[in-house]
Amino acid sequence: MNSTYGTNFRVAIFGESHAPAIGVEIEGVPAGMKIDRDALQAFLDRRAPGRDAYSTSRQEADIPEFLCGVKEGVATGAPLVAIIRNGDTRSKDYGNLANVPRPGHADYPAEVRFKGHQDKAGGGHFSGRLTAPLCIAGGIALQLLARAGVTIEARAVRIGGETDPEKMKDAIAAARAEGDSVGGVVEATVKGLPVGVGDPMFGGLENRIAQAVFGIPAVKGIEFGEGFAAAELKGSENNDPYGIVEGQVTPLTNHAGGILGGLSTGAPLVFRVAFKPTPSIAKEQDSVDLSTRTPVKLVVKGRHDPCVVLRAVPCVEAAAAIALYDAILEWRKEPA
């Protein structure tokens, strides 16, 4: 299972949803960096389960333990390893799934790919639980980016077809009451990127961010700037004219979303991420028993988010931070 990202800021995520612990190894944290543990914990708390009525009731403290790479709160320059211990697991809830794949989950293709040896409890390594160590790495990357004057902020802009924040919550509550779920869209904005970060072709900022963002389970799409809406515009409408603002060449509009040719333009980098509805729902669904090859009715047990979007907001920030810090380190290698 390939769970590694990056070249200069390298992140490797390990563990399973119901394993004793989940964690991350990070290479590229500069020696001498003071890690703000309070800020990191506050960031992790935004993603943690069981914090409100709109998420799973699973309770996890999500407090990272640094095993190496940090001494007295300061990075040593060696690979940094951090774990989060799993506490509130209920593997018995998944007993009826031994031979029955859940619709919308990776159960069936994983069964074929890994010959039944994968950990199935809680989704194993395919679980959204693995976004907790992603957020450890992303939270550290956010602190490193802040030192370079780069900020990332994301927010939910649509849930269950609603765009008003209160109606979004109503849509989640209604889905939960029906034993169902809803999806939505998260929008992220990056400010402070220097002009020219990135590469053309396969190393572009869109490519890097998309690869990291698709590491978040439930992500089904991503668009930058106008995205798919640009297909309906004319060139005269979609192009961003240039002007001089405070002595700097600056795009006067931002249909491109801050990226052209894979390179940052100096305008805010804007992208949106589409999340599917949570596939684990309380409604009865059709599946098959893989041992008998016969149709069965399945009711998924356990504790699940009726919507992952709100808890996914910091995950999007984390994935973007990892991708952008990796890209900035590459950019810094270029001769002046």
C-alpha atoms as a PDB file:
ATOM      1  CA  MET A   1       0.000   0.000   0.000  1.00  0.00           C
ATOM      2  CA  ASN A   2       1.589   3.270  -1.132  1.00  0.00           C
ATOM      3  CA  SER A   3       0.900   5.890   1.539  1.00  0.00           C
ATOM      4  CA  THR A   4       3.871   8.189   0.931  1.00  0.00           C
ATOM      5  CA  TYR A   5       3.866  11.701  -0.514  1.00  0.00           C
ATOM      6  CA  GLY A   6       6.524  14.275  -1.388  1.00  0.00           C
ATOM      7  CA  THR A   7      10.168  14.625  -2.367  1.00  0.00           C
ATOM      8  CA  ASN A   8      11.566  17.419  -0.217  1.00  0.00           C
ATOM      9  CA  PHE A   9       8.945  17.304   2.540  1.00  0.00           C
ATOM     10  CA  ARG A  10       8.261  13.578   2.597  1.00  0.00           C
ATOM     11  CA  VAL A  11       5.252  12.216   4.479  1.00  0.00           C
ATOM     12  CA  ALA A  12       4.547   8.513   5.108  1.00  0.00           C
ATOM     13  CA  ILE A  13       1.311   7.573   6.898  1.00  0.00           C
ATOM     14  CA  PHE A  14       0.851   4.251   8.687  1.00  0.00           C
ATOM     15  CA  GLY A  15      -1.688   2.362  10.792  1.00  0.00           C
ATOM     16  CA  GLU A  16      -5.300   1.215  10.547  1.00  0.00           C
ATOM     17  CA  SER A  17      -8.558   2.544  11.947  1.00  0.00           C
ATOM     18  CA  HIS A  18      -8.723   0.030  14.807  1.00  0.00           C
ATOM     19  CA  ALA A  19      -4.991  -0.663  15.223  1.00  0.00           C
ATOM     20  CA  PRO A  20      -3.365   0.265  18.551  1.00  0.00           C
ATOM     21  CA  ALA A  21      -2.091   3.462  16.924  1.00  0.00           C
ATOM     22  CA  ILE A  22      -1.898   5.422  13.687  1.00  0.00           C
ATOM     23  CA  GLY A  23       0.960   7.703  12.766  1.00  0.00           C
ATOM     24  CA  VAL A  24       3.208   9.543  10.376  1.00  0.00           C
ATOM     25  CA  GLU A  25       6.885   9.789   9.522  1.00  0.00           C
ATOM     26  CA  ILE A  26       8.015  13.165   8.192  1.00  0.00           C
ATOM     27  CA  GLU A  27      11.326  13.952   6.491  1.00  0.00           C
ATOM     28  CA  GLY A  28      12.249  17.542   5.728  1.00  0.00           C
ATOM     29  CA  VAL A  29      11.345  19.343   8.960  1.00  0.00           C
ATOM     30  CA  PRO A  30      14.268  21.768   9.387  1.00  0.00           C
ATOM     31  CA  ALA A  31      16.484  21.366  12.418  1.00  0.00           C
ATOM     32  CA  GLY A  32      15.813  24.050  15.013  1.00  0.00           C
ATOM     33  CA  MET A  33      12.149  24.498  14.126  1.00  0.00           C
ATOM     34  CA  LYS A  34      10.139  25.057  17.298  1.00  0.00           C
ATOM     35  CA  ILE A  35       6.879  23.167  16.967  1.00  0.00           C
ATOM     36  CA  ASP A  36       3.958  25.020  18.517  1.00  0.00           C
ATOM     37  CA  ARG A  37       2.216  22.097  20.209  1.00  0.00           C
ATOM     38  CA  ASP A  38      -0.798  24.166  21.276  1.00  0.00           C
ATOM     39  CA  ALA A  39      -1.417  25.370  17.720  1.00  0.00           C
ATOM     40  CA  LEU A  40      -0.941  21.847  16.390  1.00  0.00           C
ATOM     41  CA  GLN A  41      -3.393  20.402  18.918  1.00  0.00           C
ATOM     42  CA  ALA A  42      -5.970  23.082  18.129  1.00  0.00           C
ATOM     43  CA  PHE A  43      -5.636  22.159  14.460  1.00  0.00           C
ATOM     44  CA  LEU A  44      -6.059  18.442  15.182  1.00  0.00           C
ATOM     45  CA  ASP A  45      -9.102  19.152  17.366  1.00  0.00           C
ATOM     46  CA  ARG A  46     -10.893  20.645  14.356  1.00  0.00           C
ATOM     47  CA  ARG A  47     -10.718  17.240  12.632  1.00  0.00           C
ATOM     48  CA  ALA A  48     -11.199  15.006  15.683  1.00  0.00           C
ATOM     49  CA  PRO A  49     -14.357  12.881  15.999  1.00  0.00           C
ATOM     50  CA  GLY A  50     -17.125  13.250  18.543  1.00  0.00           C
ATOM     51  CA  ARG A  51     -16.847  17.011  18.979  1.00  0.00           C
ATOM     52  CA  ASP A  52     -20.376  17.966  17.900  1.00  0.00           C
ATOM     53  CA  ALA A  53     -23.776  16.656  16.837  1.00  0.00           C
ATOM     54  CA  TYR A  54     -22.791  16.569  13.163  1.00  0.00           C
ATOM     55  CA  SER A  55     -20.028  13.947  13.394  1.00  0.00           C
ATOM     56  CA  THR A  56     -19.530  10.358  14.527  1.00  0.00           C
ATOM     57  CA  SER A  57     -19.944   9.663  18.238  1.00  0.00           C
ATOM     58  CA  ARG A  58     -16.556   7.932  18.337  1.00  0.00           C
ATOM     59  CA  GLN A  59     -14.463   9.660  21.014  1.00  0.00           C
ATOM     60  CA  GLU A  60     -10.722  10.043  20.441  1.00  0.00           C
ATOM     61  CA  ALA A  61      -8.360  12.479  22.167  1.00  0.00           C
ATOM     62  CA  ASP A  62      -6.130  12.651  19.064  1.00  0.00           C
ATOM     63  CA  ILE A  63      -3.107  13.835  21.050  1.00  0.00           C
ATOM     64  CA  PRO A  64       0.099  13.210  19.077  1.00  0.00           C
ATOM     65  CA  GLU A  65       3.065  11.486  20.713  1.00  0.00           C
ATOM     66  CA  PHE A  66       6.431  12.337  19.159  1.00  0.00           C
ATOM     67  CA  LEU A  67       8.667   9.267  19.192  1.00  0.00           C
ATOM     68  CA  CYS A  68      11.710  10.852  17.552  1.00  0.00           C
ATOM     69  CA  GLY A  69      12.798  13.870  15.556  1.00  0.00           C
ATOM     70  CA  VAL A  70      11.752  16.321  18.279  1.00  0.00           C
ATOM     71  CA  LYS A  71      13.670  17.196  21.434  1.00  0.00           C
ATOM     72  CA  GLU A  72      12.250  19.596  24.000  1.00  0.00           C
ATOM     73  CA  GLY A  73       9.761  20.844  21.427  1.00  0.00           C
ATOM     74  CA  VAL A  74      12.371  21.570  18.753  1.00  0.00           C
ATOM     75  CA  ALA A  75      12.930  19.552  15.561  1.00  0.00           C
ATOM     76  CA  THR A  76      16.290  17.812  15.461  1.00  0.00           C
ATOM     77  CA  GLY A  77      16.481  17.509  11.676  1.00  0.00           C
ATOM     78  CA  ALA A  78      16.164  13.718  11.827  1.00  0.00           C
ATOM     79  CA  PRO A  79      13.043  11.985  10.494  1.00  0.00           C
ATOM     80  CA  LEU A  80      10.142  12.924  12.753  1.00  0.00           C
ATOM     81  CA  VAL A  81       7.767  10.157  13.839  1.00  0.00           C
ATOM     82  CA  ALA A  82       4.500  10.830  15.643  1.00  0.00           C
ATOM     83  CA  ILE A  83       1.670   8.515  16.610  1.00  0.00           C
ATOM     84  CA  ILE A  84      -1.897   8.884  17.835  1.00  0.00           C
ATOM     85  CA  ARG A  85      -3.166   6.025  19.964  1.00  0.00           C
ATOM     86  CA  ASN A  86      -6.598   4.648  19.099  1.00  0.00           C
ATOM     87  CA  GLY A  87      -8.839   4.260  22.121  1.00  0.00           C
ATOM     88  CA  ASP A  88     -12.552   4.173  21.330  1.00  0.00           C
ATOM     89  CA  THR A  89     -12.637   1.289  18.851  1.00  0.00           C
ATOM     90  CA  ARG A  90     -15.537  -1.172  18.503  1.00  0.00           C
ATOM     91  CA  SER A  91     -14.379  -3.811  16.044  1.00  0.00           C
ATOM     92  CA  LYS A  92     -17.370  -6.021  16.880  1.00  0.00           C
ATOM     93  CA  ASP A  93     -19.529  -3.576  14.932  1.00  0.00           C
ATOM     94  CA  TYR A  94     -17.859  -4.892  11.773  1.00  0.00           C
ATOM     95  CA  GLY A  95     -18.442  -8.600  12.441  1.00  0.00           C
ATOM     96  CA  ASN A  96     -21.159  -8.870   9.791  1.00  0.00           C
ATOM     97  CA  LEU A  97     -18.799  -7.528   7.114  1.00  0.00           C
ATOM     98  CA  ALA A  98     -16.344 -10.437   7.049  1.00  0.00           C
ATOM     99  CA  ASN A  99     -17.571 -11.589   3.636  1.00  0.00           C
ATOM    100  CA  VAL A 100     -19.984  -8.806   2.678  1.00  0.00           C
ATOM    101  CA  PRO A 101     -18.541  -5.681   0.999  1.00  0.00           C
ATOM    102  CA  ARG A 102     -20.125  -2.363   1.904  1.00  0.00           C
ATOM    103  CA  PRO A 103     -21.476  -0.348  -1.056  1.00  0.00           C
ATOM    104  CA  GLY A 104     -19.438   2.797  -1.596  1.00  0.00           C
ATOM    105  CA  HIS A 105     -16.408   1.469   0.297  1.00  0.00           C
ATOM    106  CA  ALA A 106     -13.157  -0.086  -0.928  1.00  0.00           C
ATOM    107  CA  ASP A 107     -14.057  -3.439   0.662  1.00  0.00           C
ATOM    108  CA  TYR A 108     -14.497  -5.463  -2.540  1.00  0.00           C
ATOM    109  CA  PRO A 109     -11.555  -4.170  -4.619  1.00  0.00           C
ATOM    110  CA  ALA A 110      -9.358  -4.384  -1.511  1.00  0.00           C
ATOM    111  CA  GLU A 111     -10.471  -7.983  -0.955  1.00  0.00           C
ATOM    112  CA  VAL A 112      -9.333  -8.843  -4.474  1.00  0.00           C
ATOM    113  CA  ARG A 113      -6.162  -6.741  -4.411  1.00  0.00           C
ATOM    114  CA  PHE A 114      -4.891  -7.900  -0.995  1.00  0.00           C
ATOM    115  CA  LYS A 115      -6.374 -11.415  -1.081  1.00  0.00           C
ATOM    116  CA  GLY A 116      -8.403 -10.902   2.089  1.00  0.00           C
ATOM    117  CA  HIS A 117      -5.417 -10.085   4.300  1.00  0.00           C
ATOM    118  CA  GLN A 118      -6.294  -6.390   4.724  1.00  0.00           C
ATOM    119  CA  ASP A 119      -7.599  -5.162   8.087  1.00  0.00           C
ATOM    120  CA  LYS A 120     -11.338  -4.722   7.607  1.00  0.00           C
ATOM    121  CA  ALA A 121     -12.325  -3.275  11.000  1.00  0.00           C
ATOM    122  CA  GLY A 122     -13.339   0.340  10.651  1.00  0.00           C
ATOM    123  CA  GLY A 123     -12.114   0.365   7.058  1.00  0.00           C
ATOM    124  CA  GLY A 124      -8.539  -0.466   8.040  1.00  0.00           C
ATOM    125  CA  HIS A 125      -5.957   1.583   6.170  1.00  0.00           C
ATOM    126  CA  PHE A 126      -8.675   2.935   3.868  1.00  0.00           C
ATOM    127  CA  SER A 127     -10.405   4.711   6.756  1.00  0.00           C
ATOM    128  CA  GLY A 128     -10.838   8.436   7.176  1.00  0.00           C
ATOM    129  CA  ARG A 129      -9.197   7.855  10.568  1.00  0.00           C
ATOM    130  CA  LEU A 130      -5.882   8.097   8.705  1.00  0.00           C
ATOM    131  CA  THR A 131      -6.513  11.800   8.105  1.00  0.00           C
ATOM    132  CA  ALA A 132      -5.470  12.375  11.739  1.00  0.00           C
ATOM    133  CA  PRO A 133      -1.764  11.705  11.024  1.00  0.00           C
ATOM    134  CA  LEU A 134      -2.198  13.588   7.750  1.00  0.00           C
ATOM    135  CA  CYS A 135      -3.196  16.574   9.887  1.00  0.00           C
ATOM    136  CA  ILE A 136      -0.118  16.166  12.100  1.00  0.00           C
ATOM    137  CA  ALA A 137       2.090  16.560   9.029  1.00  0.00           C
ATOM    138  CA  GLY A 138      -0.145  19.257   7.591  1.00  0.00           C
ATOM    139  CA  GLY A 139      -0.268  21.161  10.875  1.00  0.00           C
ATOM    140  CA  ILE A 140       3.537  21.253  10.985  1.00  0.00           C
ATOM    141  CA  ALA A 141       3.662  22.286   7.317  1.00  0.00           C
ATOM    142  CA  LEU A 142       1.212  25.103   8.038  1.00  0.00           C
ATOM    143  CA  GLN A 143       3.565  26.429  10.728  1.00  0.00           C
ATOM    144  CA  LEU A 144       6.490  26.257   8.299  1.00  0.00           C
ATOM    145  CA  LEU A 145       4.480  28.028   5.586  1.00  0.00           C
ATOM    146  CA  ALA A 146       3.434  30.750   8.029  1.00  0.00           C
ATOM    147  CA  ARG A 147       7.118  31.529   8.575  1.00  0.00           C
ATOM    148  CA  ALA A 148       7.357  32.085   4.818  1.00  0.00           C
ATOM    149  CA  GLY A 149       4.307  34.373   4.832  1.00  0.00           C
ATOM    150  CA  VAL A 150       1.980  31.778   3.269  1.00  0.00           C
ATOM    151  CA  THR A 151      -1.473  31.083   4.737  1.00  0.00           C
ATOM    152  CA  ILE A 152      -4.134  28.507   3.890  1.00  0.00           C
ATOM    153  CA  GLU A 153      -7.773  28.767   4.894  1.00  0.00           C
ATOM    154  CA  ALA A 154     -10.574  26.414   3.893  1.00  0.00           C
ATOM    155  CA  ARG A 155     -14.307  26.378   4.525  1.00  0.00           C
ATOM    156  CA  ALA A 156     -17.375  24.363   3.610  1.00  0.00           C
ATOM    157  CA  VAL A 157     -19.266  26.133   0.828  1.00  0.00           C
ATOM    158  CA  ARG A 158     -21.928  23.538   0.019  1.00  0.00           C
ATOM    159  CA  ILE A 159     -23.449  20.601   1.903  1.00  0.00           C
ATOM    160  CA  GLY A 160     -26.434  18.608   0.724  1.00  0.00           C
ATOM    161  CA  GLY A 161     -27.074  21.225  -1.957  1.00  0.00           C
ATOM    162  CA  GLU A 162     -27.233  24.055   0.594  1.00  0.00           C
ATOM    163  CA  THR A 163     -24.868  27.050   0.753  1.00  0.00           C
ATOM    164  CA  ASP A 164     -26.144  28.785   3.895  1.00  0.00           C
ATOM    165  CA  PRO A 165     -24.160  27.529   6.957  1.00  0.00           C
ATOM    166  CA  GLU A 166     -27.253  26.909   9.071  1.00  0.00           C
ATOM    167  CA  LYS A 167     -29.079  25.143   6.248  1.00  0.00           C
ATOM    168  CA  MET A 168     -25.977  22.992   5.720  1.00  0.00           C
ATOM    169  CA  LYS A 169     -26.270  21.803   9.328  1.00  0.00           C
ATOM    170  CA  ASP A 170     -29.991  21.217   8.854  1.00  0.00           C
ATOM    171  CA  ALA A 171     -29.220  19.047   5.814  1.00  0.00           C
ATOM    172  CA  ILE A 172     -26.788  16.956   7.871  1.00  0.00           C
ATOM    173  CA  ALA A 173     -29.284  16.561  10.716  1.00  0.00           C
ATOM    174  CA  ALA A 174     -32.051  15.554   8.300  1.00  0.00           C
ATOM    175  CA  ALA A 175     -29.835  12.954   6.629  1.00  0.00           C
ATOM    176  CA  ARG A 176     -28.834  11.487   9.988  1.00  0.00           C
ATOM    177  CA  ALA A 177     -32.485  11.253  11.071  1.00  0.00           C
ATOM    178  CA  GLU A 178     -33.226   9.291   7.901  1.00  0.00           C
ATOM    179  CA  GLY A 179     -30.274   6.938   8.387  1.00  0.00           C
ATOM    180  CA  ASP A 180     -28.656   8.506   5.334  1.00  0.00           C
ATOM    181  CA  SER A 181     -25.772  10.863   4.543  1.00  0.00           C
ATOM    182  CA  VAL A 182     -24.864  13.891   2.413  1.00  0.00           C
ATOM    183  CA  GLY A 183     -21.763  15.191   0.667  1.00  0.00           C
ATOM    184  CA  GLY A 184     -20.531  18.661  -0.166  1.00  0.00           C
ATOM    185  CA  VAL A 185     -17.775  21.003  -1.278  1.00  0.00           C
ATOM    186  CA  VAL A 186     -14.825  22.597   0.535  1.00  0.00           C
ATOM    187  CA  GLU A 187     -13.116  25.689  -0.853  1.00  0.00           C
ATOM    188  CA  ALA A 188      -9.529  26.566   0.047  1.00  0.00           C
ATOM    189  CA  THR A 189      -7.649  29.835  -0.455  1.00  0.00           C
ATOM    190  CA  VAL A 190      -3.861  30.172  -0.282  1.00  0.00           C
ATOM    191  CA  LYS A 191      -2.296  33.608   0.105  1.00  0.00           C
ATOM    192  CA  GLY A 192       1.308  34.774   0.079  1.00  0.00           C
ATOM    193  CA  LEU A 193       2.802  32.361  -2.445  1.00  0.00           C
ATOM    194  CA  PRO A 194       5.707  33.896  -4.402  1.00  0.00           C
ATOM    195  CA  VAL A 195       5.351  34.059  -8.179  1.00  0.00           C
ATOM    196  CA  GLY A 196       6.760  31.071 -10.056  1.00  0.00           C
ATOM    197  CA  VAL A 197       6.481  28.258  -7.522  1.00  0.00           C
ATOM    198  CA  GLY A 198       5.761  24.931  -9.223  1.00  0.00           C
ATOM    199  CA  ASP A 199       6.660  23.285 -12.514  1.00  0.00           C
ATOM    200  CA  PRO A 200       5.061  22.691 -15.895  1.00  0.00           C
ATOM    201  CA  MET A 201       3.602  19.374 -16.977  1.00  0.00           C
ATOM    202  CA  PHE A 202       3.551  16.756 -14.221  1.00  0.00           C
ATOM    203  CA  GLY A 203       5.065  18.857 -11.445  1.00  0.00           C
ATOM    204  CA  GLY A 204       2.539  21.695 -11.550  1.00  0.00           C
ATOM    205  CA  LEU A 205       0.893  23.039  -8.426  1.00  0.00           C
ATOM    206  CA  GLU A 206      -2.462  21.615  -9.525  1.00  0.00           C
ATOM    207  CA  ASN A 207      -0.878  18.181  -9.877  1.00  0.00           C
ATOM    208  CA  ARG A 208       0.874  18.333  -6.505  1.00  0.00           C
ATOM    209  CA  ILE A 209      -2.163  19.583  -4.611  1.00  0.00           C
ATOM    210  CA  ALA A 210      -4.525  17.155  -6.320  1.00  0.00           C
ATOM    211  CA  GLN A 211      -2.318  14.168  -5.480  1.00  0.00           C
ATOM    212  CA  ALA A 212      -2.214  15.151  -1.813  1.00  0.00           C
ATOM    213  CA  VAL A 213      -5.907  16.027  -1.607  1.00  0.00           C
ATOM    214  CA  PHE A 214      -6.955  12.719  -3.153  1.00  0.00           C
ATOM    215  CA  GLY A 215      -5.249  11.061  -0.189  1.00  0.00           C
ATOM    216  CA  ILE A 216      -8.315  12.140   1.805  1.00  0.00           C
ATOM    217  CA  PRO A 217     -10.968   9.394   1.653  1.00  0.00           C
ATOM    218  CA  ALA A 218     -14.297  10.507   0.129  1.00  0.00           C
ATOM    219  CA  VAL A 219     -12.720  13.073  -2.238  1.00  0.00           C
ATOM    220  CA  LYS A 220     -14.189  12.662  -5.729  1.00  0.00           C
ATOM    221  CA  GLY A 221     -13.197  15.851  -7.517  1.00  0.00           C
ATOM    222  CA  ILE A 222     -11.080  19.002  -7.449  1.00  0.00           C
ATOM    223  CA  GLU A 223     -11.105  22.186  -9.494  1.00  0.00           C
ATOM    224  CA  PHE A 224      -8.919  25.280  -9.544  1.00  0.00           C
ATOM    225  CA  GLY A 225     -10.140  28.818 -10.157  1.00  0.00           C
ATOM    226  CA  GLU A 226     -13.176  28.744 -12.431  1.00  0.00           C
ATOM    227  CA  GLY A 227     -12.640  25.014 -12.868  1.00  0.00           C
ATOM    228  CA  PHE A 228     -15.301  23.333 -14.985  1.00  0.00           C
ATOM    229  CA  ALA A 229     -17.195  26.622 -15.309  1.00  0.00           C
ATOM    230  CA  ALA A 230     -14.312  27.895 -17.481  1.00  0.00           C
ATOM    231  CA  ALA A 231     -15.482  25.513 -20.199  1.00  0.00           C
ATOM    232  CA  GLU A 232     -18.545  27.727 -20.662  1.00  0.00           C
ATOM    233  CA  LEU A 233     -16.621  31.024 -20.878  1.00  0.00           C
ATOM    234  CA  LYS A 234     -14.953  32.825 -23.762  1.00  0.00           C
ATOM    235  CA  GLY A 235     -11.258  33.589 -23.658  1.00  0.00           C
ATOM    236  CA  SER A 236     -12.032  37.267 -23.212  1.00  0.00           C
ATOM    237  CA  GLU A 237     -14.059  36.367 -20.123  1.00  0.00           C
ATOM    238  CA  ASN A 238     -11.697  33.781 -18.621  1.00  0.00           C
ATOM    239  CA  ASN A 239      -8.334  35.488 -19.159  1.00  0.00           C
ATOM    240  CA  ASP A 240      -6.943  37.499 -16.248  1.00  0.00           C
ATOM    241  CA  PRO A 241      -5.603  40.874 -17.461  1.00  0.00           C
ATOM    242  CA  TYR A 242      -2.437  42.236 -15.862  1.00  0.00           C
ATOM    243  CA  GLY A 243      -1.877  45.574 -14.219  1.00  0.00           C
ATOM    244  CA  ILE A 244       0.541  47.298 -11.850  1.00  0.00           C
ATOM    245  CA  VAL A 245      -0.548  47.235  -8.210  1.00  0.00           C
ATOM    246  CA  GLU A 246       1.771  48.822  -5.637  1.00  0.00           C
ATOM    247  CA  GLY A 247       4.583  48.611  -8.144  1.00  0.00           C
ATOM    248  CA  GLN A 248       4.107  44.891  -8.862  1.00  0.00           C
ATOM    249  CA  VAL A 249       2.803  43.124 -11.962  1.00  0.00           C
ATOM    250  CA  THR A 250      -0.493  41.644 -10.753  1.00  0.00           C
ATOM    251  CA  PRO A 251      -3.435  39.736 -12.308  1.00  0.00           C
ATOM    252  CA  LEU A 252      -6.439  42.050 -11.997  1.00  0.00           C
ATOM    253  CA  THR A 253      -8.899  39.142 -11.840  1.00  0.00           C
ATOM    254  CA  ASN A 254      -8.353  35.557 -10.764  1.00  0.00           C
ATOM    255  CA  HIS A 255     -10.261  33.153 -12.984  1.00  0.00           C
ATOM    256  CA  ALA A 256      -7.097  31.015 -13.136  1.00  0.00           C
ATOM    257  CA  GLY A 257      -7.191  30.477  -9.392  1.00  0.00           C
ATOM    258  CA  GLY A 258      -3.615  31.651  -8.937  1.00  0.00           C
ATOM    259  CA  ILE A 259      -1.989  29.042 -11.206  1.00  0.00           C
ATOM    260  CA  LEU A 260      -0.904  29.229 -14.851  1.00  0.00           C
ATOM    261  CA  GLY A 261       1.187  26.553 -16.525  1.00  0.00           C
ATOM    262  CA  GLY A 262       1.559  24.820 -13.175  1.00  0.00           C
ATOM    263  CA  LEU A 263       3.192  27.936 -11.661  1.00  0.00           C
ATOM    264  CA  SER A 264       1.893  30.321  -9.018  1.00  0.00           C
ATOM    265  CA  THR A 265       0.892  33.712 -10.441  1.00  0.00           C
ATOM    266  CA  GLY A 266       1.051  35.742  -7.227  1.00  0.00           C
ATOM    267  CA  ALA A 267      -2.742  35.907  -7.014  1.00  0.00           C
ATOM    268  CA  PRO A 268      -4.496  33.873  -4.297  1.00  0.00           C
ATOM    269  CA  LEU A 269      -4.493  30.183  -5.117  1.00  0.00           C
ATOM    270  CA  VAL A 270      -8.110  29.016  -4.980  1.00  0.00           C
ATOM    271  CA  PHE A 271      -9.417  25.480  -5.342  1.00  0.00           C
ATOM    272  CA  ARG A 272     -12.534  23.496  -4.440  1.00  0.00           C
ATOM    273  CA  VAL A 273     -12.837  19.862  -3.396  1.00  0.00           C
ATOM    274  CA  ALA A 274     -15.938  17.679  -3.832  1.00  0.00           C
ATOM    275  CA  PHE A 275     -16.722  15.073  -1.159  1.00  0.00           C
ATOM    276  CA  LYS A 276     -19.114  12.188  -1.705  1.00  0.00           C
ATOM    277  CA  PRO A 277     -21.778  11.304   0.880  1.00  0.00           C
ATOM    278  CA  THR A 278     -20.488   9.047   3.654  1.00  0.00           C
ATOM    279  CA  PRO A 279     -20.958   5.507   2.282  1.00  0.00           C
ATOM    280  CA  SER A 280     -21.657   3.930   5.706  1.00  0.00           C
ATOM    281  CA  ILE A 281     -25.366   4.545   6.208  1.00  0.00           C
ATOM    282  CA  ALA A 282     -28.023   2.926   8.394  1.00  0.00           C
ATOM    283  CA  LYS A 283     -30.362   2.215   5.495  1.00  0.00           C
ATOM    284  CA  GLU A 284     -30.594  -1.320   4.142  1.00  0.00           C
ATOM    285  CA  GLN A 285     -28.514  -1.814   0.991  1.00  0.00           C
ATOM    286  CA  ASP A 286     -27.918  -4.558  -1.552  1.00  0.00           C
ATOM    287  CA  SER A 287     -24.636  -6.446  -1.491  1.00  0.00           C
ATOM    288  CA  VAL A 288     -23.343  -9.999  -1.935  1.00  0.00           C
ATOM    289  CA  ASP A 289     -21.828 -12.659   0.298  1.00  0.00           C
ATOM    290  CA  LEU A 290     -18.425 -13.283  -1.256  1.00  0.00           C
ATOM    291  CA  SER A 291     -18.146 -16.761   0.266  1.00  0.00           C
ATOM    292  CA  THR A 292     -21.445 -18.040  -1.132  1.00  0.00           C
ATOM    293  CA  ARG A 293     -21.680 -15.663  -4.128  1.00  0.00           C
ATOM    294  CA  THR A 294     -25.304 -14.901  -3.260  1.00  0.00           C
ATOM    295  CA  PRO A 295     -27.167 -11.576  -2.913  1.00  0.00           C
ATOM    296  CA  VAL A 296     -27.742 -10.326   0.642  1.00  0.00           C
ATOM    297  CA  LYS A 297     -29.254  -7.312   2.369  1.00  0.00           C
ATOM    298  CA  LEU A 298     -26.763  -5.295   4.403  1.00  0.00           C
ATOM    299  CA  VAL A 299     -27.241  -2.837   7.255  1.00  0.00           C
ATOM    300  CA  VAL A 300     -23.979  -1.139   8.237  1.00  0.00           C
ATOM    301  CA  LYS A 301     -23.494  -0.929  11.980  1.00  0.00           C
ATOM    302  CA  GLY A 302     -21.076   1.244  13.924  1.00  0.00           C
ATOM    303  CA  ARG A 303     -20.645   4.990  14.385  1.00  0.00           C
ATOM    304  CA  HIS A 304     -20.276   7.090  11.260  1.00  0.00           C
ATOM    305  CA  ASP A 305     -20.407  10.723  10.181  1.00  0.00           C
ATOM    306  CA  PRO A 306     -23.649  11.624   8.394  1.00  0.00           C
ATOM    307  CA  CYS A 307     -21.419  14.067   6.491  1.00  0.00           C
ATOM    308  CA  VAL A 308     -17.618  14.201   6.384  1.00  0.00           C
ATOM    309  CA  VAL A 309     -17.371  17.705   4.963  1.00  0.00           C
ATOM    310  CA  LEU A 310     -17.086  19.752   8.167  1.00  0.00           C
ATOM    311  CA  ARG A 311     -14.348  17.544   9.614  1.00  0.00           C
ATOM    312  CA  ALA A 312     -12.641  17.436   6.210  1.00  0.00           C
ATOM    313  CA  VAL A 313     -12.019  21.202   6.130  1.00  0.00           C
ATOM    314  CA  PRO A 314      -8.738  21.003   8.130  1.00  0.00           C
ATOM    315  CA  CYS A 315      -7.778  17.888   6.145  1.00  0.00           C
ATOM    316  CA  VAL A 316      -7.918  19.926   2.934  1.00  0.00           C
ATOM    317  CA  GLU A 317      -5.757  22.604   4.566  1.00  0.00           C
ATOM    318  CA  ALA A 318      -3.320  19.906   5.712  1.00  0.00           C
ATOM    319  CA  ALA A 319      -3.030  18.252   2.294  1.00  0.00           C
ATOM    320  CA  ALA A 320      -2.511  21.616   0.572  1.00  0.00           C
ATOM    321  CA  ALA A 321       0.103  22.646   3.143  1.00  0.00           C
ATOM    322  CA  ILE A 322       2.100  19.451   2.628  1.00  0.00           C
ATOM    323  CA  ALA A 323       1.990  19.867  -1.151  1.00  0.00           C
ATOM    324  CA  LEU A 324       2.869  23.557  -1.130  1.00  0.00           C
ATOM    325  CA  TYR A 325       5.697  23.317   1.380  1.00  0.00           C
ATOM    326  CA  ASP A 326       7.182  20.477  -0.673  1.00  0.00           C
ATOM    327  CA  ALA A 327       6.891  22.678  -3.791  1.00  0.00           C
ATOM    328  CA  ILE A 328       8.435  25.691  -2.054  1.00  0.00           C
ATOM    329  CA  LEU A 329      11.431  23.630  -0.945  1.00  0.00           C
ATOM    330  CA  GLU A 330      11.881  22.572  -4.585  1.00  0.00           C
ATOM    331  CA  TRP A 331      11.569  26.209  -5.716  1.00  0.00           C
ATOM    332  CA  ARG A 332      14.212  27.300  -3.222  1.00  0.00           C
ATOM    333  CA  LYS A 333      16.716  24.967  -4.875  1.00  0.00           C
ATOM    334  CA  GLU A 334      16.530  26.993  -8.081  1.00  0.00           C
ATOM    335  CA  PRO A 335      19.521  29.339  -8.634  1.00  0.00           C
ATOM    336  CA  ALA A 336      18.766  32.992  -7.903  1.00  0.00           C
END
